Amino acid sequence: MQPTISIPQHWGYPRFALDQRTQDGIILGFYYYPNGTELAEQFDDGWRYVLMPNKNSDEISYLQENQIQPLSPQELFTQITAEIEFYQRQISILQQQLAVVTGGFTNA
């Protein structure tokens, strides 16, 4: 069963999604300041996003929706391709280590 997030109809829909890559980092979460609340009056209403600059960072930033810059399709392609290549190298190293441990015999 897929998790479901319900957003009240009178709230605007968030522009960004969880785990989306942006210029500012990866979106870890988001929350909403509804119009007419004290927080909205103090900080403006709308969506706020929790971002991590990269997955090896312990830094977190909190940005309003209009402060976030999406990645271009080319930038997203480049990032994902680099990550795939990184994990392929890691898999190759692990396969070599497994071959040493098993004497070249694997179930693969």
PDB file of N, CA and C in Angstrom:
ATOM      1  N   MET A   1       0.830  -1.171   0.000  1.00  0.00           N
ATOM      2  CA  MET A   1       0.000   0.000   0.000  1.00  0.00           C
ATOM      3  C   MET A   1       0.888   1.254   0.000  1.00  0.00           C
ATOM      4  N   GLN A   2       0.594   2.171  -0.877  1.00  0.00           N
ATOM      5  CA  GLN A   2       1.359   3.411  -0.989  1.00  0.00           C
ATOM      6  C   GLN A   2       0.939   4.390   0.107  1.00  0.00           C
ATOM      7  N   PRO A   3       1.916   5.083   0.731  1.00  0.00           N
ATOM      8  CA  PRO A   3       1.544   6.115   1.700  1.00  0.00           C
ATOM      9  C   PRO A   3       0.808   7.247   0.993  1.00  0.00           C
ATOM     10  N   THR A   4      -0.119   7.852   1.701  1.00  0.00           N
ATOM     11  CA  THR A   4      -0.918   8.923   1.128  1.00  0.00           C
ATOM     12  C   THR A   4      -0.772  10.183   1.968  1.00  0.00           C
ATOM     13  N   ILE A   5      -0.624  11.295   1.292  1.00  0.00           N
ATOM     14  CA  ILE A   5      -0.591  12.589   1.961  1.00  0.00           C
ATOM     15  C   ILE A   5      -1.827  13.351   1.509  1.00  0.00           C
ATOM     16  N   SER A   6      -2.616  13.799   2.454  1.00  0.00           N
ATOM     17  CA  SER A   6      -3.812  14.578   2.137  1.00  0.00           C
ATOM     18  C   SER A   6      -3.537  16.051   2.395  1.00  0.00           C
ATOM     19  N   ILE A   7      -3.869  16.868   1.416  1.00  0.00           N
ATOM     20  CA  ILE A   7      -3.675  18.309   1.518  1.00  0.00           C
ATOM     21  C   ILE A   7      -5.051  18.951   1.434  1.00  0.00           C
ATOM     22  N   PRO A   8      -5.403  19.780   2.411  1.00  0.00           N
ATOM     23  CA  PRO A   8      -6.715  20.439   2.351  1.00  0.00           C
ATOM     24  C   PRO A   8      -6.900  21.192   1.034  1.00  0.00           C
ATOM     25  N   GLN A   9      -8.119  21.178   0.525  1.00  0.00           N
ATOM     26  CA  GLN A   9      -8.391  21.791  -0.779  1.00  0.00           C
ATOM     27  C   GLN A   9      -8.128  23.285  -0.805  1.00  0.00           C
ATOM     28  N   HIS A  10      -8.254  23.973   0.341  1.00  0.00           N
ATOM     29  CA  HIS A  10      -8.056  25.412   0.346  1.00  0.00           C
ATOM     30  C   HIS A  10      -6.575  25.803   0.431  1.00  0.00           C
ATOM     31  N   TRP A  11      -5.676  24.820   0.531  1.00  0.00           N
ATOM     32  CA  TRP A  11      -4.239  25.080   0.459  1.00  0.00           C
ATOM     33  C   TRP A  11      -3.809  24.902  -0.986  1.00  0.00           C
ATOM     34  N   GLY A  12      -2.844  25.665  -1.432  1.00  0.00           N
ATOM     35  CA  GLY A  12      -2.270  25.420  -2.752  1.00  0.00           C
ATOM     36  C   GLY A  12      -1.467  24.130  -2.727  1.00  0.00           C
ATOM     37  N   TYR A  13      -1.317  23.518  -3.877  1.00  0.00           N
ATOM     38  CA  TYR A  13      -0.547  22.278  -3.953  1.00  0.00           C
ATOM     39  C   TYR A  13       0.951  22.619  -3.944  1.00  0.00           C
ATOM     40  N   PRO A  14       1.791  21.832  -3.244  1.00  0.00           N
ATOM     41  CA  PRO A  14       3.229  22.155  -3.214  1.00  0.00           C
ATOM     42  C   PRO A  14       3.859  22.049  -4.603  1.00  0.00           C
ATOM     43  N   ARG A  15       4.769  22.944  -4.885  1.00  0.00           N
ATOM     44  CA  ARG A  15       5.446  22.974  -6.187  1.00  0.00           C
ATOM     45  C   ARG A  15       6.504  21.873  -6.302  1.00  0.00           C
ATOM     46  N   PHE A  16       7.098  21.483  -5.170  1.00  0.00           N
ATOM     47  CA  PHE A  16       8.174  20.501  -5.165  1.00  0.00           C
ATOM     48  C   PHE A  16       7.743  19.246  -4.416  1.00  0.00           C
ATOM     49  N   ALA A  17       8.414  18.138  -4.690  1.00  0.00           N
ATOM     50  CA  ALA A  17       8.065  16.849  -4.093  1.00  0.00           C
ATOM     51  C   ALA A  17       9.163  16.377  -3.146  1.00  0.00           C
ATOM     52  N   LEU A  18       8.792  15.485  -2.251  1.00  0.00           N
ATOM     53  CA  LEU A  18       9.778  14.868  -1.376  1.00  0.00           C
ATOM     54  C   LEU A  18      10.838  14.162  -2.208  1.00  0.00           C
ATOM     55  N   ASP A  19      12.067  14.248  -1.788  1.00  0.00           N
ATOM     56  CA  ASP A  19      13.221  13.614  -2.426  1.00  0.00           C
ATOM     57  C   ASP A  19      13.587  14.229  -3.782  1.00  0.00           C
ATOM     58  N   GLN A  20      12.960  15.355  -4.123  1.00  0.00           N
ATOM     59  CA  GLN A  20      13.284  16.026  -5.386  1.00  0.00           C
ATOM     60  C   GLN A  20      14.620  16.738  -5.249  1.00  0.00           C
ATOM     61  N   ARG A  21      15.436  16.643  -6.302  1.00  0.00           N
ATOM     62  CA  ARG A  21      16.722  17.335  -6.336  1.00  0.00           C
ATOM     63  C   ARG A  21      16.500  18.746  -6.866  1.00  0.00           C
ATOM     64  N   THR A  22      17.140  19.713  -6.216  1.00  0.00           N
ATOM     65  CA  THR A  22      17.046  21.114  -6.632  1.00  0.00           C
ATOM     66  C   THR A  22      18.439  21.730  -6.602  1.00  0.00           C
ATOM     67  N   GLN A  23      18.543  22.974  -7.032  1.00  0.00           N
ATOM     68  CA  GLN A  23      19.828  23.687  -6.953  1.00  0.00           C
ATOM     69  C   GLN A  23      20.297  23.790  -5.504  1.00  0.00           C
ATOM     70  N   ASP A  24      19.353  23.825  -4.581  1.00  0.00           N
ATOM     71  CA  ASP A  24      19.648  24.040  -3.173  1.00  0.00           C
ATOM     72  C   ASP A  24      19.838  22.753  -2.384  1.00  0.00           C
ATOM     73  N   GLY A  25      19.585  21.614  -3.010  1.00  0.00           N
ATOM     74  CA  GLY A  25      19.732  20.332  -2.338  1.00  0.00           C
ATOM     75  C   GLY A  25      18.536  19.431  -2.555  1.00  0.00           C
ATOM     76  N   ILE A  26      18.465  18.397  -1.740  1.00  0.00           N
ATOM     77  CA  ILE A  26      17.405  17.397  -1.841  1.00  0.00           C
ATOM     78  C   ILE A  26      16.308  17.745  -0.834  1.00  0.00           C
ATOM     79  N   ILE A  27      15.055  17.689  -1.272  1.00  0.00           N
ATOM     80  CA  ILE A  27      13.938  18.021  -0.397  1.00  0.00           C
ATOM     81  C   ILE A  27      13.631  16.841   0.517  1.00  0.00           C
ATOM     82  N   LEU A  28      13.766  17.083   1.816  1.00  0.00           N
ATOM     83  CA  LEU A  28      13.513  16.052   2.828  1.00  0.00           C
ATOM     84  C   LEU A  28      12.109  16.129   3.401  1.00  0.00           C
ATOM     85  N   GLY A  29      11.530  17.303   3.361  1.00  0.00           N
ATOM     86  CA  GLY A  29      10.200  17.480   3.937  1.00  0.00           C
ATOM     87  C   GLY A  29       9.660  18.849   3.610  1.00  0.00           C
ATOM     88  N   PHE A  30       8.399  19.037   3.942  1.00  0.00           N
ATOM     89  CA  PHE A  30       7.802  20.350   3.749  1.00  0.00           C
ATOM     90  C   PHE A  30       6.643  20.522   4.712  1.00  0.00           C
ATOM     91  N   TYR A  31       6.298  21.773   4.949  1.00  0.00           N
ATOM     92  CA  TYR A  31       5.176  22.092   5.816  1.00  0.00           C
ATOM     93  C   TYR A  31       4.534  23.366   5.304  1.00  0.00           C
ATOM     94  N   TYR A  32       3.365  23.668   5.820  1.00  0.00           N
ATOM     95  CA  TYR A  32       2.562  24.755   5.283  1.00  0.00           C
ATOM     96  C   TYR A  32       2.159  25.727   6.390  1.00  0.00           C
ATOM     97  N   TYR A  33       2.267  27.031   6.097  1.00  0.00           N
ATOM     98  CA  TYR A  33       1.745  28.062   6.985  1.00  0.00           C
ATOM     99  C   TYR A  33       0.442  28.566   6.377  1.00  0.00           C
ATOM    100  N   PRO A  34      -0.697  28.166   6.904  1.00  0.00           N
ATOM    101  CA  PRO A  34      -1.984  28.601   6.335  1.00  0.00           C
ATOM    102  C   PRO A  34      -2.204  30.101   6.511  1.00  0.00           C
ATOM    103  N   ASN A  35      -2.854  30.694   5.547  1.00  0.00           N
ATOM    104  CA  ASN A  35      -3.208  32.103   5.589  1.00  0.00           C
ATOM    105  C   ASN A  35      -4.079  32.355   6.821  1.00  0.00           C
ATOM    106  N   GLY A  36      -3.850  33.470   7.490  1.00  0.00           N
ATOM    107  CA  GLY A  36      -4.649  33.829   8.643  1.00  0.00           C
ATOM    108  C   GLY A  36      -4.115  33.303   9.963  1.00  0.00           C
ATOM    109  N   THR A  37      -2.987  32.603   9.927  1.00  0.00           N
ATOM    110  CA  THR A  37      -2.397  32.114  11.175  1.00  0.00           C
ATOM    111  C   THR A  37      -1.289  33.069  11.610  1.00  0.00           C
ATOM    112  N   GLU A  38      -0.911  32.957  12.867  1.00  0.00           N
ATOM    113  CA  GLU A  38       0.145  33.825  13.391  1.00  0.00           C
ATOM    114  C   GLU A  38       1.463  33.609  12.645  1.00  0.00           C
ATOM    115  N   LEU A  39       1.795  32.343  12.364  1.00  0.00           N
ATOM    116  CA  LEU A  39       3.038  32.066  11.632  1.00  0.00           C
ATOM    117  C   LEU A  39       3.008  32.679  10.233  1.00  0.00           C
ATOM    118  N   ALA A  40       1.873  32.578   9.559  1.00  0.00           N
ATOM    119  CA  ALA A  40       1.751  33.154   8.219  1.00  0.00           C
ATOM    120  C   ALA A  40       1.866  34.672   8.259  1.00  0.00           C
ATOM    121  N   GLU A  41       1.302  35.275   9.292  1.00  0.00           N
ATOM    122  CA  GLU A  41       1.403  36.729   9.414  1.00  0.00           C
ATOM    123  C   GLU A  41       2.839  37.159   9.684  1.00  0.00           C
ATOM    124  N   GLN A  42       3.557  36.337  10.428  1.00  0.00           N
ATOM    125  CA  GLN A  42       4.937  36.674  10.770  1.00  0.00           C
ATOM    126  C   GLN A  42       5.911  36.347   9.640  1.00  0.00           C
ATOM    127  N   PHE A  43       5.696  35.208   8.956  1.00  0.00           N
ATOM    128  CA  PHE A  43       6.675  34.725   7.969  1.00  0.00           C
ATOM    129  C   PHE A  43       6.120  34.584   6.551  1.00  0.00           C
ATOM    130  N   ASP A  44       4.898  34.973   6.300  1.00  0.00           N
ATOM    131  CA  ASP A  44       4.193  34.794   5.029  1.00  0.00           C
ATOM    132  C   ASP A  44       3.602  33.392   4.956  1.00  0.00           C
ATOM    133  N   ASP A  45       2.452  33.308   4.323  1.00  0.00           N
ATOM    134  CA  ASP A  45       1.797  32.009   4.191  1.00  0.00           C
ATOM    135  C   ASP A  45       2.410  31.225   3.045  1.00  0.00           C
ATOM    136  N   GLY A  46       2.159  29.933   3.022  1.00  0.00           N
ATOM    137  CA  GLY A  46       2.634  29.084   1.937  1.00  0.00           C
ATOM    138  C   GLY A  46       3.523  27.957   2.421  1.00  0.00           C
ATOM    139  N   TRP A  47       4.082  27.257   1.462  1.00  0.00           N
ATOM    140  CA  TRP A  47       4.902  26.081   1.718  1.00  0.00           C
ATOM    141  C   TRP A  47       6.315  26.460   2.124  1.00  0.00           C
ATOM    142  N   ARG A  48       6.856  25.708   3.050  1.00  0.00           N
ATOM    143  CA  ARG A  48       8.253  25.781   3.459  1.00  0.00           C
ATOM    144  C   ARG A  48       8.850  24.414   3.224  1.00  0.00           C
ATOM    145  N   TYR A  49      10.090  24.377   2.803  1.00  0.00           N
ATOM    146  CA  TYR A  49      10.748  23.119   2.471  1.00  0.00           C
ATOM    147  C   TYR A  49      11.997  22.919   3.314  1.00  0.00           C
ATOM    148  N   VAL A  50      12.232  21.676   3.682  1.00  0.00           N
ATOM    149  CA  VAL A  50      13.429  21.295   4.425  1.00  0.00           C
ATOM    150  C   VAL A  50      14.358  20.643   3.416  1.00  0.00           C
ATOM    151  N   LEU A  51      15.558  21.206   3.234  1.00  0.00           N
ATOM    152  CA  LEU A  51      16.490  20.703   2.236  1.00  0.00           C
ATOM    153  C   LEU A  51      17.825  20.334   2.863  1.00  0.00           C
ATOM    154  N   MET A  52      18.463  19.332   2.274  1.00  0.00           N
ATOM    155  CA  MET A  52      19.809  18.935   2.661  1.00  0.00           C
ATOM    156  C   MET A  52      20.686  19.158   1.430  1.00  0.00           C
ATOM    157  N   PRO A  53      21.780  19.920   1.561  1.00  0.00           N
ATOM    158  CA  PRO A  53      22.608  20.248   0.395  1.00  0.00           C
ATOM    159  C   PRO A  53      23.076  19.021  -0.388  1.00  0.00           C
ATOM    160  N   ASN A  54      23.453  17.970   0.314  1.00  0.00           N
ATOM    161  CA  ASN A  54      23.790  16.706  -0.341  1.00  0.00           C
ATOM    162  C   ASN A  54      23.617  15.599   0.680  1.00  0.00           C
ATOM    163  N   LYS A  55      23.565  14.382   0.223  1.00  0.00           N
ATOM    164  CA  LYS A  55      23.219  13.288   1.136  1.00  0.00           C
ATOM    165  C   LYS A  55      24.330  12.933   2.112  1.00  0.00           C
ATOM    166  N   ASN A  56      25.490  13.527   1.968  1.00  0.00           N
ATOM    167  CA  ASN A  56      26.587  13.297   2.906  1.00  0.00           C
ATOM    168  C   ASN A  56      26.745  14.451   3.885  1.00  0.00           C
ATOM    169  N   SER A  57      25.767  15.314   3.925  1.00  0.00           N
ATOM    170  CA  SER A  57      25.837  16.508   4.758  1.00  0.00           C
ATOM    171  C   SER A  57      24.918  16.357   5.967  1.00  0.00           C
ATOM    172  N   ASP A  58      25.293  17.030   7.045  1.00  0.00           N
ATOM    173  CA  ASP A  58      24.391  17.086   8.188  1.00  0.00           C
ATOM    174  C   ASP A  58      23.754  18.471   8.292  1.00  0.00           C
ATOM    175  N   GLU A  59      23.964  19.296   7.274  1.00  0.00           N
ATOM    176  CA  GLU A  59      23.358  20.624   7.228  1.00  0.00           C
ATOM    177  C   GLU A  59      21.929  20.520   6.712  1.00  0.00           C
ATOM    178  N   ILE A  60      21.083  21.371   7.247  1.00  0.00           N
ATOM    179  CA  ILE A  60      19.695  21.443   6.811  1.00  0.00           C
ATOM    180  C   ILE A  60      19.372  22.913   6.571  1.00  0.00           C
ATOM    181  N   SER A  61      18.607  23.187   5.519  1.00  0.00           N
ATOM    182  CA  SER A  61      18.141  24.550   5.304  1.00  0.00           C
ATOM    183  C   SER A  61      16.623  24.527   5.163  1.00  0.00           C
ATOM    184  N   TYR A  62      16.024  25.637   5.500  1.00  0.00           N
ATOM    185  CA  TYR A  62      14.578  25.798   5.427  1.00  0.00           C
ATOM    186  C   TYR A  62      14.304  26.950   4.474  1.00  0.00           C
ATOM    187  N   LEU A  63      13.644  26.664   3.371  1.00  0.00           N
ATOM    188  CA  LEU A  63      13.420  27.687   2.354  1.00  0.00           C
ATOM    189  C   LEU A  63      11.948  27.787   1.983  1.00  0.00           C
ATOM    190  N   GLN A  64      11.536  28.996   1.635  1.00  0.00           N
ATOM    191  CA  GLN A  64      10.203  29.193   1.087  1.00  0.00           C
ATOM    192  C   GLN A  64      10.189  28.688  -0.350  1.00  0.00           C
ATOM    193  N   GLU A  65       9.004  28.407  -0.828  1.00  0.00           N
ATOM    194  CA  GLU A  65       8.864  27.858  -2.172  1.00  0.00           C
ATOM    195  C   GLU A  65       9.510  28.751  -3.232  1.00  0.00           C
ATOM    196  N   ASN A  66       9.361  30.059  -3.096  1.00  0.00           N
ATOM    197  CA  ASN A  66       9.909  30.966  -4.114  1.00  0.00           C
ATOM    198  C   ASN A  66      11.421  31.140  -4.011  1.00  0.00           C
ATOM    199  N   GLN A  67      12.055  30.566  -2.986  1.00  0.00           N
ATOM    200  CA  GLN A  67      13.507  30.649  -2.841  1.00  0.00           C
ATOM    201  C   GLN A  67      14.229  29.455  -3.460  1.00  0.00           C
ATOM    202  N   ILE A  68      13.480  28.450  -3.870  1.00  0.00           N
ATOM    203  CA  ILE A  68      14.081  27.215  -4.377  1.00  0.00           C
ATOM    204  C   ILE A  68      14.172  27.262  -5.893  1.00  0.00           C
ATOM    205  N   GLN A  69      15.337  26.879  -6.403  1.00  0.00           N
ATOM    206  CA  GLN A  69      15.560  26.835  -7.847  1.00  0.00           C
ATOM    207  C   GLN A  69      15.587  25.374  -8.303  1.00  0.00           C
ATOM    208  N   PRO A  70      14.689  24.983  -9.201  1.00  0.00           N
ATOM    209  CA  PRO A  70      14.726  23.604  -9.701  1.00  0.00           C
ATOM    210  C   PRO A  70      15.950  23.379 -10.591  1.00  0.00           C
ATOM    211  N   LEU A  71      16.312  22.128 -10.753  1.00  0.00           N
ATOM    212  CA  LEU A  71      17.397  21.777 -11.681  1.00  0.00           C
ATOM    213  C   LEU A  71      16.849  21.730 -13.099  1.00  0.00           C
ATOM    214  N   SER A  72      17.684  22.084 -14.052  1.00  0.00           N
ATOM    215  CA  SER A  72      17.287  21.929 -15.450  1.00  0.00           C
ATOM    216  C   SER A  72      17.307  20.436 -15.776  1.00  0.00           C
ATOM    217  N   PRO A  73      16.632  20.005 -16.823  1.00  0.00           N
ATOM    218  CA  PRO A  73      16.690  18.585 -17.194  1.00  0.00           C
ATOM    219  C   PRO A  73      18.125  18.100 -17.406  1.00  0.00           C
ATOM    220  N   GLN A  74      18.987  18.932 -17.980  1.00  0.00           N
ATOM    221  CA  GLN A  74      20.381  18.537 -18.203  1.00  0.00           C
ATOM    222  C   GLN A  74      21.131  18.383 -16.888  1.00  0.00           C
ATOM    223  N   GLU A  75      20.909  19.304 -15.951  1.00  0.00           N
ATOM    224  CA  GLU A  75      21.562  19.202 -14.648  1.00  0.00           C
ATOM    225  C   GLU A  75      21.106  17.955 -13.898  1.00  0.00           C
ATOM    226  N   LEU A  76      19.818  17.677 -13.977  1.00  0.00           N
ATOM    227  CA  LEU A  76      19.280  16.484 -13.318  1.00  0.00           C
ATOM    228  C   LEU A  76      19.865  15.226 -13.955  1.00  0.00           C
ATOM    229  N   PHE A  77      19.932  15.195 -15.274  1.00  0.00           N
ATOM    230  CA  PHE A  77      20.522  14.064 -15.987  1.00  0.00           C
ATOM    231  C   PHE A  77      21.973  13.854 -15.562  1.00  0.00           C
ATOM    232  N   THR A  78      22.739  14.931 -15.486  1.00  0.00           N
ATOM    233  CA  THR A  78      24.153  14.851 -15.105  1.00  0.00           C
ATOM    234  C   THR A  78      24.308  14.323 -13.688  1.00  0.00           C
ATOM    235  N   GLN A  79      23.504  14.819 -12.766  1.00  0.00           N
ATOM    236  CA  GLN A  79      23.576  14.353 -11.379  1.00  0.00           C
ATOM    237  C   GLN A  79      23.240  12.867 -11.259  1.00  0.00           C
ATOM    238  N   ILE A  80      22.165  12.464 -11.892  1.00  0.00           N
ATOM    239  CA  ILE A  80      21.729  11.069 -11.794  1.00  0.00           C
ATOM    240  C   ILE A  80      22.729  10.143 -12.477  1.00  0.00           C
ATOM    241  N   THR A  81      23.254  10.549 -13.614  1.00  0.00           N
ATOM    242  CA  THR A  81      24.253   9.743 -14.321  1.00  0.00           C
ATOM    243  C   THR A  81      25.505   9.564 -13.462  1.00  0.00           C
ATOM    244  N   ALA A  82      25.959  10.628 -12.820  1.00  0.00           N
ATOM    245  CA  ALA A  82      27.141  10.543 -11.951  1.00  0.00           C
ATOM    246  C   ALA A  82      26.870   9.597 -10.780  1.00  0.00           C
ATOM    247  N   GLU A  83      25.677   9.660 -10.227  1.00  0.00           N
ATOM    248  CA  GLU A  83      25.347   8.775  -9.104  1.00  0.00           C
ATOM    249  C   GLU A  83      25.287   7.315  -9.548  1.00  0.00           C
ATOM    250  N   ILE A  84      24.723   7.061 -10.715  1.00  0.00           N
ATOM    251  CA  ILE A  84      24.682   5.699 -11.256  1.00  0.00           C
ATOM    252  C   ILE A  84      26.099   5.170 -11.459  1.00  0.00           C
ATOM    253  N   GLU A  85      26.970   5.990 -12.049  1.00  0.00           N
ATOM    254  CA  GLU A  85      28.359   5.571 -12.277  1.00  0.00           C
ATOM    255  C   GLU A  85      29.070   5.278 -10.962  1.00  0.00           C
ATOM    256  N   PHE A  86      28.818   6.096  -9.931  1.00  0.00           N
ATOM    257  CA  PHE A  86      29.412   5.872  -8.615  1.00  0.00           C
ATOM    258  C   PHE A  86      28.979   4.511  -8.075  1.00  0.00           C
ATOM    259  N   TYR A  87      27.687   4.235  -8.118  1.00  0.00           N
ATOM    260  CA  TYR A  87      27.199   2.968  -7.570  1.00  0.00           C
ATOM    261  C   TYR A  87      27.631   1.772  -8.417  1.00  0.00           C
ATOM    262  N   GLN A  88      27.776   1.951  -9.718  1.00  0.00           N
ATOM    263  CA  GLN A  88      28.285   0.860 -10.551  1.00  0.00           C
ATOM    264  C   GLN A  88      29.723   0.513 -10.175  1.00  0.00           C
ATOM    265  N   ARG A  89      30.534   1.535  -9.889  1.00  0.00           N
ATOM    266  CA  ARG A  89      31.902   1.283  -9.431  1.00  0.00           C
ATOM    267  C   ARG A  89      31.900   0.559  -8.088  1.00  0.00           C
ATOM    268  N   GLN A  90      31.015   0.972  -7.197  1.00  0.00           N
ATOM    269  CA  GLN A  90      30.915   0.318  -5.892  1.00  0.00           C
ATOM    270  C   GLN A  90      30.508  -1.151  -6.045  1.00  0.00           C
ATOM    271  N   ILE A  91      29.568  -1.420  -6.922  1.00  0.00           N
ATOM    272  CA  ILE A  91      29.134  -2.796  -7.175  1.00  0.00           C
ATOM    273  C   ILE A  91      30.288  -3.620  -7.725  1.00  0.00           C
ATOM    274  N   SER A  92      31.049  -3.053  -8.646  1.00  0.00           N
ATOM    275  CA  SER A  92      32.196  -3.763  -9.226  1.00  0.00           C
ATOM    276  C   SER A  92      33.223  -4.112  -8.148  1.00  0.00           C
ATOM    277  N   ILE A  93      33.501  -3.165  -7.263  1.00  0.00           N
ATOM    278  CA  ILE A  93      34.451  -3.413  -6.166  1.00  0.00           C
ATOM    279  C   ILE A  93      33.929  -4.527  -5.268  1.00  0.00           C
ATOM    280  N   LEU A  94      32.653  -4.483  -4.934  1.00  0.00           N
ATOM    281  CA  LEU A  94      32.069  -5.520  -4.076  1.00  0.00           C
ATOM    282  C   LEU A  94      32.085  -6.890  -4.765  1.00  0.00           C
ATOM    283  N   GLN A  95      31.838  -6.921  -6.066  1.00  0.00           N
ATOM    284  CA  GLN A  95      31.886  -8.189  -6.801  1.00  0.00           C
ATOM    285  C   GLN A  95      33.301  -8.768  -6.786  1.00  0.00           C
ATOM    286  N   GLN A  96      34.311  -7.906  -6.927  1.00  0.00           N
ATOM    287  CA  GLN A  96      35.701  -8.367  -6.855  1.00  0.00           C
ATOM    288  C   GLN A  96      36.021  -8.913  -5.468  1.00  0.00           C
ATOM    289  N   GLN A  97      35.568  -8.229  -4.434  1.00  0.00           N
ATOM    290  CA  GLN A  97      35.795  -8.697  -3.072  1.00  0.00           C
ATOM    291  C   GLN A  97      35.093 -10.032  -2.826  1.00  0.00           C
ATOM    292  N   LEU A  98      33.896 -10.172  -3.334  1.00  0.00           N
ATOM    293  CA  LEU A  98      33.150 -11.418  -3.185  1.00  0.00           C
ATOM    294  C   LEU A  98      33.848 -12.562  -3.907  1.00  0.00           C
ATOM    295  N   ALA A  99      34.393 -12.293  -5.084  1.00  0.00           N
ATOM    296  CA  ALA A  99      35.111 -13.322  -5.838  1.00  0.00           C
ATOM    297  C   ALA A  99      36.336 -13.802  -5.065  1.00  0.00           C
ATOM    298  N   VAL A 100      37.022 -12.876  -4.391  1.00  0.00           N
ATOM    299  CA  VAL A 100      38.184 -13.256  -3.585  1.00  0.00           C
ATOM    300  C   VAL A 100      37.748 -14.142  -2.422  1.00  0.00           C
ATOM    301  N   VAL A 101      36.680 -13.756  -1.740  1.00  0.00           N
ATOM    302  CA  VAL A 101      36.206 -14.503  -0.594  1.00  0.00           C
ATOM    303  C   VAL A 101      35.701 -15.898  -0.984  1.00  0.00           C
ATOM    304  N   THR A 102      35.048 -16.001  -2.114  1.00  0.00           N
ATOM    305  CA  THR A 102      34.457 -17.294  -2.522  1.00  0.00           C
ATOM    306  C   THR A 102      35.370 -18.075  -3.438  1.00  0.00           C
ATOM    307  N   GLY A 103      36.543 -17.570  -3.706  1.00  0.00           N
ATOM    308  CA  GLY A 103      37.446 -18.281  -4.605  1.00  0.00           C
ATOM    309  C   GLY A 103      36.956 -18.265  -6.050  1.00  0.00           C
ATOM    310  N   GLY A 104      36.183 -17.255  -6.405  1.00  0.00           N
ATOM    311  CA  GLY A 104      35.683 -17.135  -7.778  1.00  0.00           C
ATOM    312  C   GLY A 104      34.328 -17.758  -7.988  1.00  0.00           C
ATOM    313  N   PHE A 105      33.794 -18.441  -6.987  1.00  0.00           N
ATOM    314  CA  PHE A 105      32.472 -19.071  -7.121  1.00  0.00           C
ATOM    315  C   PHE A 105      31.391 -18.189  -6.499  1.00  0.00           C
ATOM    316  N   THR A 106      30.416 -17.814  -7.288  1.00  0.00           N
ATOM    317  CA  THR A 106      29.281 -17.033  -6.787  1.00  0.00           C
ATOM    318  C   THR A 106      28.009 -17.650  -7.352  1.00  0.00           C
ATOM    319  N   ASN A 107      26.884 -17.296  -6.789  1.00  0.00           N
ATOM    320  CA  ASN A 107      25.590 -17.761  -7.273  1.00  0.00           C
ATOM    321  C   ASN A 107      25.024 -16.867  -8.369  1.00  0.00           C
ATOM    322  N   ALA A 108      25.751 -15.826  -8.734  1.00  0.00           N
ATOM    323  CA  ALA A 108      25.252 -14.866  -9.725  1.00  0.00           C
ATOM    324  C   ALA A 108      25.388 -15.397 -11.130  1.00  0.00           C
TER     325      ALA A 108
END
